[in-house]
C-alpha atoms as a PDB file:
ATOM      1  CA  MET A   1       9.625  50.588 -15.754  1.00  0.00           C
ATOM      2  CA  ALA A   2      10.950  47.028 -15.913  1.00  0.00           C
ATOM      3  CA  LEU A   3       9.003  44.358 -14.107  1.00  0.00           C
ATOM      4  CA  GLY A   4      10.861  43.139 -10.998  1.00  0.00           C
ATOM      5  CA  GLU A   5      11.013  39.637  -9.572  1.00  0.00           C
ATOM      6  CA  PHE A   6       8.580  40.149  -6.713  1.00  0.00           C
ATOM      7  CA  GLU A   7       6.168  42.248  -8.737  1.00  0.00           C
ATOM      8  CA  LEU A   8       6.215  39.460 -11.341  1.00  0.00           C
ATOM      9  CA  ILE A   9       5.272  36.904  -8.691  1.00  0.00           C
ATOM     10  CA  ASP A  10       2.569  39.114  -7.178  1.00  0.00           C
ATOM     11  CA  ARG A  11       0.992  39.970 -10.515  1.00  0.00           C
ATOM     12  CA  PHE A  12       0.968  36.585 -12.215  1.00  0.00           C
ATOM     13  CA  PHE A  13       1.412  33.810  -9.655  1.00  0.00           C
ATOM     14  CA  ARG A  14       0.316  34.818  -6.146  1.00  0.00           C
ATOM     15  CA  ARG A  15      -3.025  33.206  -5.298  1.00  0.00           C
ATOM     16  CA  PRO A  16      -4.891  32.478  -2.065  1.00  0.00           C
ATOM     17  CA  VAL A  17      -4.675  28.872  -0.895  1.00  0.00           C
ATOM     18  CA  ARG A  18      -7.455  26.790   0.604  1.00  0.00           C
ATOM     19  CA  ARG A  19      -5.970  23.340   1.170  1.00  0.00           C
ATOM     20  CA  ALA A  20      -2.390  24.325   2.031  1.00  0.00           C
ATOM     21  CA  VAL A  21      -1.709  25.828   5.448  1.00  0.00           C
ATOM     22  CA  LEU A  22       0.567  28.502   3.949  1.00  0.00           C
ATOM     23  CA  GLY A  23       1.311  29.323   0.317  1.00  0.00           C
ATOM     24  CA  VAL A  24       3.291  31.927  -1.647  1.00  0.00           C
ATOM     25  CA  GLY A  25       4.959  34.675   0.378  1.00  0.00           C
ATOM     26  CA  ASP A  26       7.067  32.952   3.068  1.00  0.00           C
ATOM     27  CA  ASP A  27      10.361  31.094   2.979  1.00  0.00           C
ATOM     28  CA  CYS A  28       8.478  27.774   2.953  1.00  0.00           C
ATOM     29  CA  ALA A  29       4.987  26.605   2.128  1.00  0.00           C
ATOM     30  CA  LEU A  30       3.193  24.547   4.767  1.00  0.00           C
ATOM     31  CA  LEU A  31       1.194  21.455   3.819  1.00  0.00           C
ATOM     32  CA  GLN A  32      -0.834  19.152   6.024  1.00  0.00           C
ATOM     33  CA  PRO A  33      -1.704  15.821   4.383  1.00  0.00           C
ATOM     34  CA  ARG A  34      -4.935  14.295   5.595  1.00  0.00           C
ATOM     35  CA  PRO A  35      -4.732  11.502   8.210  1.00  0.00           C
ATOM     36  CA  GLY A  36      -3.759   8.167   6.674  1.00  0.00           C
ATOM     37  CA  MET A  37      -2.334   9.794   3.551  1.00  0.00           C
ATOM     38  CA  GLN A  38       1.176   9.627   2.155  1.00  0.00           C
ATOM     39  CA  LEU A  39       2.735  12.494   0.201  1.00  0.00           C
ATOM     40  CA  ALA A  40       3.582  11.763  -3.460  1.00  0.00           C
ATOM     41  CA  VAL A  41       6.176  14.154  -4.914  1.00  0.00           C
ATOM     42  CA  SER A  42       7.499  14.515  -8.458  1.00  0.00           C
ATOM     43  CA  THR A  43       9.440  17.149 -10.384  1.00  0.00           C
ATOM     44  CA  ASP A  44      10.096  17.911 -14.050  1.00  0.00           C
ATOM     45  CA  LEU A  45      12.245  20.435 -15.864  1.00  0.00           C
ATOM     46  CA  LEU A  46      11.303  21.864 -19.271  1.00  0.00           C
ATOM     47  CA  VAL A  47      14.064  23.601 -21.249  1.00  0.00           C
ATOM     48  CA  GLU A  48      13.460  25.675 -24.378  1.00  0.00           C
ATOM     49  CA  GLY A  49      14.910  23.959 -27.426  1.00  0.00           C
ATOM     50  CA  ARG A  50      15.015  20.612 -25.636  1.00  0.00           C
ATOM     51  CA  HIS A  51      11.455  20.071 -24.449  1.00  0.00           C
ATOM     52  CA  PHE A  52       9.559  22.753 -26.329  1.00  0.00           C
ATOM     53  CA  LEU A  53       9.985  25.048 -29.324  1.00  0.00           C
ATOM     54  CA  SER A  54      10.325  28.812 -29.074  1.00  0.00           C
ATOM     55  CA  THR A  55       7.209  29.122 -31.270  1.00  0.00           C
ATOM     56  CA  VAL A  56       4.889  27.356 -28.821  1.00  0.00           C
ATOM     57  CA  ASP A  57       1.823  29.272 -27.657  1.00  0.00           C
ATOM     58  CA  PRO A  58       2.570  30.411 -24.058  1.00  0.00           C
ATOM     59  CA  VAL A  59      -0.937  29.300 -22.984  1.00  0.00           C
ATOM     60  CA  ARG A  60      -0.152  25.777 -24.153  1.00  0.00           C
ATOM     61  CA  LEU A  61       3.302  25.899 -22.611  1.00  0.00           C
ATOM     62  CA  GLY A  62       1.857  26.824 -19.219  1.00  0.00           C
ATOM     63  CA  HIS A  63      -0.643  23.968 -19.559  1.00  0.00           C
ATOM     64  CA  LYS A  64       1.993  21.422 -20.555  1.00  0.00           C
ATOM     65  CA  ALA A  65       4.467  22.462 -17.869  1.00  0.00           C
ATOM     66  CA  LEU A  66       1.957  21.444 -15.213  1.00  0.00           C
ATOM     67  CA  ALA A  67       0.380  18.593 -17.194  1.00  0.00           C
ATOM     68  CA  VAL A  68       3.590  16.569 -17.433  1.00  0.00           C
ATOM     69  CA  ASN A  69       3.929  16.716 -13.663  1.00  0.00           C
ATOM     70  CA  LEU A  70       0.287  15.879 -13.015  1.00  0.00           C
ATOM     71  CA  SER A  71       0.825  12.856 -15.250  1.00  0.00           C
ATOM     72  CA  ASP A  72       3.372  11.539 -12.747  1.00  0.00           C
ATOM     73  CA  LEU A  73       0.824  11.876  -9.949  1.00  0.00           C
ATOM     74  CA  ALA A  74      -1.689  10.048 -12.143  1.00  0.00           C
ATOM     75  CA  ALA A  75       0.733   7.164 -12.654  1.00  0.00           C
ATOM     76  CA  CYS A  76       1.073   6.903  -8.873  1.00  0.00           C
ATOM     77  CA  GLY A  77      -2.684   7.053  -8.261  1.00  0.00           C
ATOM     78  CA  ALA A  78      -2.241  10.246  -6.257  1.00  0.00           C
ATOM     79  CA  GLU A  79      -4.699  13.117  -5.866  1.00  0.00           C
ATOM     80  CA  PRO A  80      -3.075  16.502  -6.694  1.00  0.00           C
ATOM     81  CA  LEU A  81      -2.528  18.782  -3.700  1.00  0.00           C
ATOM     82  CA  ALA A  82       0.040  21.536  -4.349  1.00  0.00           C
ATOM     83  CA  PHE A  83       2.888  22.558  -6.634  1.00  0.00           C
ATOM     84  CA  THR A  84       5.829  24.931  -6.842  1.00  0.00           C
ATOM     85  CA  LEU A  85       7.068  26.798  -9.915  1.00  0.00           C
ATOM     86  CA  SER A  86      10.655  27.785 -10.673  1.00  0.00           C
ATOM     87  CA  LEU A  87      10.952  29.977 -13.743  1.00  0.00           C
ATOM     88  CA  SER A  88      14.102  31.171 -15.489  1.00  0.00           C
ATOM     89  CA  MET A  89      13.631  33.595 -18.379  1.00  0.00           C
ATOM     90  CA  PRO A  90      15.844  36.095 -20.243  1.00  0.00           C
ATOM     91  CA  ARG A  91      13.612  39.032 -19.237  1.00  0.00           C
ATOM     92  CA  PRO A  92      10.228  39.460 -17.511  1.00  0.00           C
ATOM     93  CA  ASP A  93       8.088  39.766 -20.643  1.00  0.00           C
ATOM     94  CA  GLU A  94       4.455  40.408 -19.715  1.00  0.00           C
ATOM     95  CA  ARG A  95       3.333  39.318 -23.192  1.00  0.00           C
ATOM     96  CA  PHE A  96       4.693  35.865 -22.347  1.00  0.00           C
ATOM     97  CA  LEU A  97       3.895  35.753 -18.641  1.00  0.00           C
ATOM     98  CA  ALA A  98       0.183  36.585 -18.835  1.00  0.00           C
ATOM     99  CA  PRO A  99      -0.799  33.771 -21.256  1.00  0.00           C
ATOM    100  CA  PHE A 100       1.689  31.355 -19.660  1.00  0.00           C
ATOM    101  CA  ALA A 101       0.099  31.919 -16.248  1.00  0.00           C
ATOM    102  CA  GLU A 102      -3.355  31.615 -17.820  1.00  0.00           C
ATOM    103  CA  GLY A 103      -2.633  28.144 -19.219  1.00  0.00           C
ATOM    104  CA  LEU A 104      -0.832  26.997 -16.079  1.00  0.00           C
ATOM    105  CA  LEU A 105      -3.457  28.147 -13.598  1.00  0.00           C
ATOM    106  CA  ALA A 106      -6.448  27.050 -15.683  1.00  0.00           C
ATOM    107  CA  LEU A 107      -5.180  23.468 -15.544  1.00  0.00           C
ATOM    108  CA  ALA A 108      -4.357  23.883 -11.846  1.00  0.00           C
ATOM    109  CA  ASP A 109      -7.942  24.947 -11.165  1.00  0.00           C
ATOM    110  CA  ARG A 110      -9.326  21.977 -13.102  1.00  0.00           C
ATOM    111  CA  HIS A 111      -7.383  19.608 -10.843  1.00  0.00           C
ATOM    112  CA  ALA A 112      -7.725  21.627  -7.620  1.00  0.00           C
ATOM    113  CA  ILE A 113      -3.968  21.848  -7.167  1.00  0.00           C
ATOM    114  CA  GLU A 114      -2.566  24.993  -5.531  1.00  0.00           C
ATOM    115  CA  LEU A 115       0.539  26.990  -6.402  1.00  0.00           C
ATOM    116  CA  VAL A 116       2.323  27.382  -3.056  1.00  0.00           C
ATOM    117  CA  GLY A 117       5.791  28.724  -3.910  1.00  0.00           C
ATOM    118  CA  GLY A 118       8.804  28.663  -6.204  1.00  0.00           C
ATOM    119  CA  ASP A 119      11.475  30.961  -7.572  1.00  0.00           C
ATOM    120  CA  THR A 120      12.254  33.231 -10.536  1.00  0.00           C
ATOM    121  CA  THR A 121      15.551  34.303 -12.035  1.00  0.00           C
ATOM    122  CA  ALA A 122      17.129  35.642 -15.213  1.00  0.00           C
ATOM    123  CA  GLY A 123      18.507  33.059 -17.644  1.00  0.00           C
ATOM    124  CA  PRO A 124      17.527  30.798 -20.543  1.00  0.00           C
ATOM    125  CA  LEU A 125      13.812  29.997 -20.633  1.00  0.00           C
ATOM    126  CA  THR A 126      13.480  27.029 -18.276  1.00  0.00           C
ATOM    127  CA  ILE A 127      10.449  25.859 -16.306  1.00  0.00           C
ATOM    128  CA  GLY A 128      10.756  23.671 -13.227  1.00  0.00           C
ATOM    129  CA  ILE A 129       7.671  22.377 -11.453  1.00  0.00           C
ATOM    130  CA  THR A 130       7.408  20.157  -8.404  1.00  0.00           C
ATOM    131  CA  VAL A 131       4.022  18.602  -7.672  1.00  0.00           C
ATOM    132  CA  MET A 132       2.770  17.097  -4.441  1.00  0.00           C
ATOM    133  CA  GLY A 133      -0.197  14.800  -4.102  1.00  0.00           C
ATOM    134  CA  GLU A 134      -1.909  12.554  -1.562  1.00  0.00           C
ATOM    135  CA  VAL A 135      -2.419   8.812  -1.747  1.00  0.00           C
ATOM    136  CA  PRO A 136      -3.759   6.498   0.961  1.00  0.00           C
ATOM    137  CA  ALA A 137      -0.959   4.654   2.730  1.00  0.00           C
ATOM    138  CA  GLY A 138      -0.080   1.456   0.897  1.00  0.00           C
ATOM    139  CA  GLN A 139      -2.292   2.207  -2.138  1.00  0.00           C
ATOM    140  CA  ALA A 140       0.154   4.019  -4.438  1.00  0.00           C
ATOM    141  CA  LEU A 141       0.530   2.527  -7.900  1.00  0.00           C
ATOM    142  CA  ARG A 142       4.148   1.540  -8.449  1.00  0.00           C
ATOM    143  CA  ARG A 143       6.304   0.178 -11.244  1.00  0.00           C
ATOM    144  CA  SER A 144       7.255  -2.958  -9.341  1.00  0.00           C
ATOM    145  CA  GLY A 145       3.893  -4.732  -9.083  1.00  0.00           C
ATOM    146  CA  ALA A 146       3.529  -6.394 -12.504  1.00  0.00           C
ATOM    147  CA  ARG A 147       3.177 -10.190 -12.385  1.00  0.00           C
ATOM    148  CA  ALA A 148       3.358 -12.895 -15.031  1.00  0.00           C
ATOM    149  CA  GLY A 149      -0.061 -13.349 -16.603  1.00  0.00           C
ATOM    150  CA  ASP A 150      -1.156  -9.747 -16.055  1.00  0.00           C
ATOM    151  CA  ALA A 151      -2.720  -7.946 -18.980  1.00  0.00           C
ATOM    152  CA  LEU A 152      -0.941  -4.846 -20.278  1.00  0.00           C
ATOM    153  CA  TRP A 153      -3.105  -1.792 -20.961  1.00  0.00           C
ATOM    154  CA  VAL A 154      -2.580   1.716 -22.277  1.00  0.00           C
ATOM    155  CA  SER A 155      -4.886   4.722 -22.079  1.00  0.00           C
ATOM    156  CA  GLY A 156      -5.864   7.103 -24.832  1.00  0.00           C
ATOM    157  CA  TRP A 157      -4.146   7.345 -28.184  1.00  0.00           C
ATOM    158  CA  PRO A 158      -0.347   7.132 -27.859  1.00  0.00           C
ATOM    159  CA  GLY A 159       1.784   8.107 -30.833  1.00  0.00           C
ATOM    160  CA  GLU A 160      -0.099  11.138 -32.112  1.00  0.00           C
ATOM    161  CA  ALA A 161       2.180  13.711 -30.486  1.00  0.00           C
ATOM    162  CA  ARG A 162       5.234  12.268 -32.254  1.00  0.00           C
ATOM    163  CA  LEU A 163       3.715  13.074 -35.648  1.00  0.00           C
ATOM    164  CA  ALA A 164       3.913  16.791 -34.882  1.00  0.00           C
ATOM    165  CA  LEU A 165       7.559  16.488 -33.866  1.00  0.00           C
ATOM    166  CA  GLU A 166       8.384  14.763 -37.150  1.00  0.00           C
ATOM    167  CA  VAL A 167       6.680  17.570 -39.078  1.00  0.00           C
ATOM    168  CA  PHE A 168       8.798  20.126 -37.206  1.00  0.00           C
ATOM    169  CA  ARG A 169      11.887  18.038 -38.011  1.00  0.00           C
ATOM    170  CA  GLY A 170      10.968  17.994 -41.684  1.00  0.00           C
ATOM    171  CA  THR A 171      10.712  14.190 -41.940  1.00  0.00           C
ATOM    172  CA  LEU A 172       6.924  14.067 -42.316  1.00  0.00           C
ATOM    173  CA  SER A 173       4.254  16.072 -44.096  1.00  0.00           C
ATOM    174  CA  LEU A 174       0.663  16.255 -42.854  1.00  0.00           C
ATOM    175  CA  PRO A 175      -2.472  18.044 -44.042  1.00  0.00           C
ATOM    176  CA  GLU A 176      -3.117  21.157 -41.965  1.00  0.00           C
ATOM    177  CA  VAL A 177      -6.022  19.634 -40.025  1.00  0.00           C
ATOM    178  CA  ASP A 178      -3.932  16.573 -39.095  1.00  0.00           C
ATOM    179  CA  PHE A 179      -0.913  18.681 -38.162  1.00  0.00           C
ATOM    180  CA  ASN A 180      -3.029  20.888 -35.904  1.00  0.00           C
ATOM    181  CA  ALA A 181      -4.425  17.807 -34.137  1.00  0.00           C
ATOM    182  CA  ALA A 182      -0.973  16.272 -33.707  1.00  0.00           C
ATOM    183  CA  ARG A 183       0.473  19.567 -32.491  1.00  0.00           C
ATOM    184  CA  ARG A 184      -2.324  19.894 -29.946  1.00  0.00           C
ATOM    185  CA  ALA A 185      -1.502  16.376 -28.695  1.00  0.00           C
ATOM    186  CA  MET A 186       2.168  17.341 -28.328  1.00  0.00           C
ATOM    187  CA  GLU A 187       1.700  20.779 -26.809  1.00  0.00           C
ATOM    188  CA  GLN A 188      -1.468  20.324 -24.727  1.00  0.00           C
ATOM    189  CA  PRO A 189      -1.562  16.782 -23.302  1.00  0.00           C
ATOM    190  CA  GLU A 190      -4.289  15.772 -20.871  1.00  0.00           C
ATOM    191  CA  PRO A 191      -2.935  14.229 -17.653  1.00  0.00           C
ATOM    192  CA  ARG A 192      -4.925  11.096 -16.774  1.00  0.00           C
ATOM    193  CA  VAL A 193      -5.402  11.959 -13.106  1.00  0.00           C
ATOM    194  CA  ALA A 194      -8.971  10.662 -12.846  1.00  0.00           C
ATOM    195  CA  LEU A 195      -7.957   7.346 -14.403  1.00  0.00           C
ATOM    196  CA  GLY A 196      -5.013   6.965 -12.041  1.00  0.00           C
ATOM    197  CA  LEU A 197      -7.303   7.478  -9.058  1.00  0.00           C
ATOM    198  CA  ALA A 198      -9.839   4.992 -10.439  1.00  0.00           C
ATOM    199  CA  LEU A 199      -7.115   2.361 -10.973  1.00  0.00           C
ATOM    200  CA  ARG A 200      -6.071   2.263  -7.318  1.00  0.00           C
ATOM    201  CA  GLY A 201      -6.717  -1.248  -6.084  1.00  0.00           C
ATOM    202  CA  VAL A 202      -7.208  -2.449  -9.683  1.00  0.00           C
ATOM    203  CA  ALA A 203      -3.886  -1.985 -11.500  1.00  0.00           C
ATOM    204  CA  SER A 204      -0.885  -3.972 -10.320  1.00  0.00           C
ATOM    205  CA  ALA A 205       1.697  -1.560 -11.765  1.00  0.00           C
ATOM    206  CA  ALA A 206       1.650   1.725 -13.669  1.00  0.00           C
ATOM    207  CA  ILE A 207       3.837   4.334 -15.361  1.00  0.00           C
ATOM    208  CA  ASP A 208       3.139   7.315 -17.585  1.00  0.00           C
ATOM    209  CA  VAL A 209       4.341   7.273 -21.194  1.00  0.00           C
ATOM    210  CA  SER A 210       6.632  10.272 -21.474  1.00  0.00           C
ATOM    211  CA  ASP A 211       9.814   8.954 -23.109  1.00  0.00           C
ATOM    212  CA  GLY A 212       8.309   6.357 -25.455  1.00  0.00           C
ATOM    213  CA  LEU A 213       6.327   3.215 -24.734  1.00  0.00           C
ATOM    214  CA  LEU A 214       9.258   0.813 -25.172  1.00  0.00           C
ATOM    215  CA  GLY A 215      11.447   2.707 -22.731  1.00  0.00           C
ATOM    216  CA  ASP A 216       8.759   3.330 -20.141  1.00  0.00           C
ATOM    217  CA  LEU A 217       7.556  -0.267 -20.309  1.00  0.00           C
ATOM    218  CA  GLY A 218      11.169  -1.306 -19.837  1.00  0.00           C
ATOM    219  CA  HIS A 219      11.200   0.494 -16.474  1.00  0.00           C
ATOM    220  CA  VAL A 220       8.170  -1.518 -15.329  1.00  0.00           C
ATOM    221  CA  LEU A 221       9.657  -4.812 -16.524  1.00  0.00           C
ATOM    222  CA  LYS A 222      12.958  -4.130 -14.785  1.00  0.00           C
ATOM    223  CA  ALA A 223      11.335  -3.048 -11.519  1.00  0.00           C
ATOM    224  CA  SER A 224       8.978  -6.043 -11.542  1.00  0.00           C
ATOM    225  CA  GLY A 225      11.497  -8.648 -12.761  1.00  0.00           C
ATOM    226  CA  VAL A 226       9.252  -9.815 -15.609  1.00  0.00           C
ATOM    227  CA  GLY A 227       8.954  -9.634 -19.403  1.00  0.00           C
ATOM    228  CA  ALA A 228       6.195  -8.693 -21.814  1.00  0.00           C
ATOM    229  CA  ALA A 229       4.671  -9.638 -25.143  1.00  0.00           C
ATOM    230  CA  LEU A 230       3.000  -6.934 -27.255  1.00  0.00           C
ATOM    231  CA  SER A 231       0.848  -7.140 -30.367  1.00  0.00           C
ATOM    232  CA  LEU A 232       0.775  -4.098 -32.649  1.00  0.00           C
ATOM    233  CA  ALA A 233      -2.523  -5.369 -34.064  1.00  0.00           C
ATOM    234  CA  ASP A 234      -4.073  -4.461 -30.700  1.00  0.00           C
ATOM    235  CA  PHE A 235      -2.617  -0.948 -30.508  1.00  0.00           C
ATOM    236  CA  PRO A 236      -5.179   1.882 -30.613  1.00  0.00           C
ATOM    237  CA  ARG A 237      -5.298   3.966 -33.758  1.00  0.00           C
ATOM    238  CA  ARG A 238      -7.454   6.897 -34.751  1.00  0.00           C
ATOM    239  CA  PRO A 239      -7.521   8.151 -38.347  1.00  0.00           C
ATOM    240  CA  LEU A 240      -4.763  10.672 -37.601  1.00  0.00           C
ATOM    241  CA  LEU A 241      -2.284   7.840 -37.012  1.00  0.00           C
ATOM    242  CA  ALA A 242      -3.966   5.152 -39.119  1.00  0.00           C
ATOM    243  CA  ARG A 243      -3.409   7.224 -42.272  1.00  0.00           C
ATOM    244  CA  GLN A 244       0.371   7.034 -41.825  1.00  0.00           C
ATOM    245  CA  PRO A 245       2.622   4.301 -43.287  1.00  0.00           C
ATOM    246  CA  ALA A 246       3.113   1.257 -41.055  1.00  0.00           C
ATOM    247  CA  ALA A 247       6.727   2.219 -40.312  1.00  0.00           C
ATOM    248  CA  VAL A 248       5.648   5.676 -39.081  1.00  0.00           C
ATOM    249  CA  GLN A 249       2.897   4.185 -36.935  1.00  0.00           C
ATOM    250  CA  ARG A 250       5.321   1.768 -35.292  1.00  0.00           C
ATOM    251  CA  MET A 251       7.879   4.490 -34.615  1.00  0.00           C
ATOM    252  CA  ALA A 252       5.212   6.772 -33.125  1.00  0.00           C
ATOM    253  CA  TRP A 253       3.704   4.042 -30.949  1.00  0.00           C
ATOM    254  CA  LEU A 254       6.886   2.489 -29.644  1.00  0.00           C
ATOM    255  CA  THR A 255       9.327   5.380 -29.279  1.00  0.00           C
ATOM    256  CA  GLY A 256       7.180   8.491 -29.743  1.00  0.00           C
ATOM    257  CA  GLY A 257       7.095   9.856 -26.222  1.00  0.00           C
ATOM    258  CA  ASP A 258       5.322  13.028 -25.094  1.00  0.00           C
ATOM    259  CA  ASP A 259       2.059  11.050 -24.889  1.00  0.00           C
ATOM    260  CA  TYR A 260       1.450  11.281 -21.119  1.00  0.00           C
ATOM    261  CA  GLU A 261      -0.886   8.318 -21.277  1.00  0.00           C
ATOM    262  CA  LEU A 262      -0.945   5.659 -18.555  1.00  0.00           C
ATOM    263  CA  LEU A 263       0.643   2.281 -19.255  1.00  0.00           C
ATOM    264  CA  PHE A 264      -0.490  -0.207 -16.639  1.00  0.00           C
ATOM    265  CA  THR A 265      -0.889  -3.863 -15.798  1.00  0.00           C
ATOM    266  CA  ALA A 266      -3.761  -5.702 -14.142  1.00  0.00           C
ATOM    267  CA  PRO A 267      -4.683  -9.347 -13.519  1.00  0.00           C
ATOM    268  CA  PRO A 268      -6.912 -10.862 -16.246  1.00  0.00           C
ATOM    269  CA  ALA A 269      -9.739 -11.220 -13.720  1.00  0.00           C
ATOM    270  CA  ALA A 270      -9.711  -7.429 -13.266  1.00  0.00           C
ATOM    271  CA  ALA A 271     -10.664  -6.686 -16.890  1.00  0.00           C
ATOM    272  CA  ASP A 272     -14.197  -5.588 -15.942  1.00  0.00           C
ATOM    273  CA  ALA A 273     -12.818  -3.388 -13.157  1.00  0.00           C
ATOM    274  CA  VAL A 274     -10.373  -1.805 -15.621  1.00  0.00           C
ATOM    275  CA  GLN A 275     -13.229  -1.014 -17.991  1.00  0.00           C
ATOM    276  CA  ALA A 276     -15.253   0.404 -15.096  1.00  0.00           C
ATOM    277  CA  ALA A 277     -12.307   2.652 -14.153  1.00  0.00           C
ATOM    278  CA  SER A 278     -12.078   3.739 -17.783  1.00  0.00           C
ATOM    279  CA  ALA A 279     -15.766   4.628 -17.876  1.00  0.00           C
ATOM    280  CA  GLN A 280     -15.570   6.440 -14.525  1.00  0.00           C
ATOM    281  CA  ALA A 281     -12.639   8.558 -15.731  1.00  0.00           C
ATOM    282  CA  GLY A 282     -14.031   9.074 -19.228  1.00  0.00           C
ATOM    283  CA  VAL A 283     -10.751   7.870 -20.757  1.00  0.00           C
ATOM    284  CA  PRO A 284     -10.541   4.955 -23.235  1.00  0.00           C
ATOM    285  CA  VAL A 285      -8.159   2.114 -22.433  1.00  0.00           C
ATOM    286  CA  HIS A 286      -6.815  -0.599 -24.713  1.00  0.00           C
ATOM    287  CA  ARG A 287      -5.294  -3.988 -23.942  1.00  0.00           C
ATOM    288  CA  ILE A 288      -2.070  -4.265 -25.958  1.00  0.00           C
ATOM    289  CA  GLY A 289      -0.261  -7.271 -24.514  1.00  0.00           C
ATOM    290  CA  ARG A 290       0.554  -9.409 -21.512  1.00  0.00           C
ATOM    291  CA  ILE A 291       3.236  -9.806 -18.887  1.00  0.00           C
ATOM    292  CA  THR A 292       5.447 -12.894 -19.142  1.00  0.00           C
ATOM    293  CA  ALA A 293       7.543 -14.701 -16.546  1.00  0.00           C
ATOM    294  CA  GLU A 294      10.571 -14.754 -18.840  1.00  0.00           C
ATOM    295  CA  PRO A 295      12.399 -11.397 -18.872  1.00  0.00           C
ATOM    296  CA  GLY A 296      12.633  -9.497 -22.129  1.00  0.00           C
ATOM    297  CA  LEU A 297      10.235  -7.893 -24.565  1.00  0.00           C
ATOM    298  CA  GLN A 298       8.612  -9.509 -27.588  1.00  0.00           C
ATOM    299  CA  VAL A 299       6.680  -7.403 -30.091  1.00  0.00           C
ATOM    300  CA  ARG A 300       4.641  -8.838 -32.967  1.00  0.00           C
ATOM    301  CA  ASP A 301       3.619  -6.704 -35.893  1.00  0.00           C
ATOM    302  CA  GLU A 302       0.154  -6.411 -37.426  1.00  0.00           C
ATOM    303  CA  THR A 303       0.607  -9.746 -39.255  1.00  0.00           C
ATOM    304  CA  GLY A 304       1.779 -11.598 -36.158  1.00  0.00           C
ATOM    305  CA  ALA A 305       5.444 -11.695 -37.203  1.00  0.00           C
ATOM    306  CA  ALA A 306       8.118 -10.944 -34.606  1.00  0.00           C
ATOM    307  CA  LEU A 307       9.419  -7.376 -34.844  1.00  0.00           C
ATOM    308  CA  ASP A 308      13.171  -6.839 -34.674  1.00  0.00           C
ATOM    309  CA  LEU A 309      13.704  -4.217 -31.951  1.00  0.00           C
ATOM    310  CA  ALA A 310      17.380  -3.651 -32.695  1.00  0.00           C
ATOM    311  CA  GLY A 311      18.037   0.061 -32.969  1.00  0.00           C
ATOM    312  CA  TRP A 312      14.753   1.064 -31.326  1.00  0.00           C
ATOM    313  CA  ALA A 313      15.415   3.343 -28.376  1.00  0.00           C
ATOM    314  CA  ALA A 314      13.443   5.532 -25.999  1.00  0.00           C
ATOM    315  CA  PHE A 315      14.143   9.224 -25.484  1.00  0.00           C
ATOM    316  CA  ASP A 316      17.183   9.956 -23.334  1.00  0.00           C
ATOM    317  CA  HIS A 317      17.960  13.554 -22.338  1.00  0.00           C
ATOM    318  CA  PHE A 318      21.707  12.986 -22.686  1.00  0.00           C
ATOM    319  CA  ARG A 319      21.759  10.686 -25.732  1.00  0.00           C
ATOM    320  CA  THR A 320      18.955  11.890 -27.976  1.00  0.00           C
END
């Protein structure tokens, strides 16, 4: 007997809630933010063939579907609270649903975020998640707070996920061990929620790197009315990326996307506090540049020469 919509929900996604007032099973979920808290809300849509390959492990897909949304909460300095799931799929395939739910809910449990509702329907495989989090009033990290003189920082190891995409595209060849590491970075990113929380009151502006560092930094510069100067000599590199030609490294760093690291600014005097936040969250951070009063972006390569950015572009869902 074919699996129906409501049986699908009951079997794979209905869970008791502890923090929400009311979860799955009614027309609406009910949430009650704590006194003095504001609600942070973000949503992302993942479409097969556009955001993920049909060959992806469903466990990893479930993880990533929630991770990319948690990354937005991290960039806002918000503590995860609840999320909804909308799932379109050609047919209710239990061989897909069981591992997908496993990956999704394992990450949800790690971050104490509750599934409180959503929808399912027949159609192309598409995953829509909306996350809700709490942040003390007036303490949310925003894109508009960068000031001239601020240091520019990035977490983790941006660029590694792009290597896997280039292998799938046939433009790059990697040894199996390197490909597996790059593919894990692309398909199973770690949202930097703990770092985002630790940066409240320290960072002046923040954004997550999802569409490429150049493009995401551009959003911060535009919102803040400032410019930036970057030095590729200061960019973090592990052996996985360091073994690649300089041109590949630059492409992966600057336009790679799918990193879900935090790009943030902080006053120079806050450098010790940034490092303390890094240690508290257990996530490495690297200073890669500075904010300038003059609008625009300057990038210097590993030798200190100015890099021509003509033709470099971030990911755009309707142009890429």
